[in-house]
Protein backbone atom coordinates (compact mmCIF):
# COMPACT_ATOMS: atom_id res chain seq x y z
CA MET A 1 17.49 19.16 136.46
CA SER A 2 15.53 17.51 133.72
CA LYS A 3 15.81 13.74 133.02
CA LYS A 4 17.29 14.40 129.68
CA ILE A 5 20.18 16.41 131.02
CA HIS A 6 20.60 13.92 133.84
CA ASP A 7 20.86 11.07 131.26
CA PHE A 8 23.12 13.12 129.08
CA ASN A 9 25.51 13.88 132.02
CA ASP A 10 25.48 10.13 133.05
CA ILE A 11 26.57 9.11 129.41
CA ILE A 12 29.43 11.64 129.54
CA ARG A 13 30.52 10.48 133.03
CA LYS A 14 30.53 6.85 132.15
CA LEU A 15 32.59 7.44 128.91
CA ARG A 16 35.17 9.44 130.68
CA LYS A 17 35.33 6.93 133.58
CA LYS A 18 35.96 4.09 131.19
CA LEU A 19 38.49 6.25 129.14
CA PHE A 20 40.46 7.80 132.03
CA GLY A 21 39.74 5.57 135.01
CA LYS A 22 37.79 8.35 136.78
CA GLY A 23 34.79 10.35 135.60
CA PRO A 24 33.96 13.89 136.54
CA GLU A 25 32.70 14.39 140.18
CA ARG A 26 30.21 16.94 138.94
CA ILE A 27 28.86 18.07 135.74
CA HIS A 28 26.60 21.11 134.81
CA THR A 29 25.01 20.85 131.40
CA VAL A 30 22.78 23.38 129.61
CA PHE A 31 20.99 22.83 126.16
CA VAL A 32 21.07 25.83 123.90
CA GLN A 33 19.53 25.39 120.44
CA ASN A 34 21.72 22.81 118.84
CA MET A 35 24.43 22.72 121.45
CA ALA A 36 24.85 21.00 124.75
CA ILE A 37 27.42 22.92 126.92
CA SER A 38 28.88 21.00 129.85
CA THR A 39 31.20 22.15 132.58
CA LEU A 40 32.89 19.20 134.20
CA TYR A 41 34.48 19.45 137.77
CA GLY A 42 36.73 17.01 139.39
CA ASN A 43 38.11 15.26 136.37
CA LEU A 44 41.73 14.43 137.09
CA THR A 45 43.00 11.19 138.51
CA PRO A 46 45.63 11.16 141.27
CA ALA A 47 48.23 10.22 138.84
CA GLU A 48 47.30 13.03 136.57
CA GLN A 49 47.36 15.42 139.50
CA PHE A 50 50.94 14.24 140.38
CA ILE A 51 52.02 14.63 136.72
CA ALA A 52 50.48 18.12 136.41
CA ARG A 53 52.85 19.46 139.16
CA THR A 54 55.32 20.55 136.51
CA THR A 55 54.73 22.80 133.32
CA GLU A 56 55.52 19.87 131.14
CA GLY A 57 53.25 17.61 133.09
CA LYS A 58 50.42 20.11 132.88
CA GLU A 59 50.89 20.27 129.06
CA THR A 60 50.89 16.43 128.84
CA VAL A 61 47.71 16.19 130.93
CA HIS A 62 45.97 18.94 128.93
CA MET A 63 46.92 17.33 125.57
CA ALA A 64 45.79 13.86 126.69
CA ARG A 65 42.48 15.19 128.11
CA THR A 66 41.50 17.30 125.19
CA LYS A 67 42.84 15.50 122.22
CA LEU A 68 41.87 12.02 123.27
CA ILE A 69 38.29 13.01 123.99
CA GLN A 70 38.01 14.96 120.71
CA ASN A 71 39.57 11.95 118.62
CA LEU A 72 37.14 9.50 120.39
CA TYR A 73 34.05 11.57 119.72
CA ALA A 74 35.15 12.16 116.17
CA ALA A 75 35.44 8.45 115.60
CA SER A 76 32.05 7.50 117.07
CA PRO A 77 29.76 9.43 119.47
CA PRO A 78 29.12 7.69 122.74
CA GLU A 79 26.44 4.90 122.56
CA GLY A 80 23.03 6.32 123.27
CA LEU A 81 23.93 10.01 122.98
CA GLU A 82 22.36 10.73 119.64
CA ASP A 83 19.32 8.67 120.41
CA LEU A 84 18.82 10.42 123.69
CA LEU A 85 18.85 13.94 122.05
CA GLY A 86 17.28 12.94 118.66
CA ALA A 87 20.02 14.70 116.77
CA LYS A 88 23.33 13.74 115.07
CA LEU A 89 26.54 14.94 116.78
CA GLU A 90 28.52 17.09 114.43
CA TYR A 91 31.28 18.45 116.54
CA LEU A 92 32.88 18.50 119.90
CA PHE A 93 34.89 21.24 121.25
CA SER A 94 36.70 20.64 124.55
CA ASP A 95 39.19 22.16 126.84
CA ILE A 96 40.45 21.62 130.43
CA LYS A 97 42.14 24.06 132.87
CA VAL A 98 44.42 21.54 134.49
CA GLU A 99 45.40 23.83 137.48
CA GLU A 100 41.68 24.20 138.53
CA ASP A 101 40.60 20.74 137.37
CA ILE A 102 37.64 22.17 135.35
CA ALA A 103 36.73 21.10 131.75
CA VAL A 104 34.24 22.47 129.41
CA SER A 105 32.91 20.52 126.37
CA VAL A 106 30.60 22.05 123.74
CA PHE A 107 28.70 19.41 121.76
CA VAL A 108 27.28 20.68 118.40
CA PHE A 109 24.38 18.68 117.03
CA GLU A 110 22.92 19.04 113.43
CA THR A 111 19.58 20.12 114.83
CA ASN A 112 18.15 21.80 117.95
CA ILE A 113 18.08 19.48 120.79
CA GLN A 114 15.61 20.94 123.32
């Protein structure tokens, strides 16, 4: 793994740990043109896992995990992210499969980041 990808993953992990109380256990990121595509494994806290045992709970956890992240990034990208990649973050698309505890985030930048 390149140092840039490692540092990118570290920024993502720290932000999510600060926001949710637990960061992902493992992140796999690839850079493709102007996108960083990250698959995040082991995201949910024990409380979220408990809440997600019902259909309504799964929906609540899904909404919190997707909307909260998207709103946070829309307001302000994580500190150091744009400097690391040398490009401005334009969009974040994010989703989580609560049952499997796997999330995917696609970060779209204004210019290529490789």
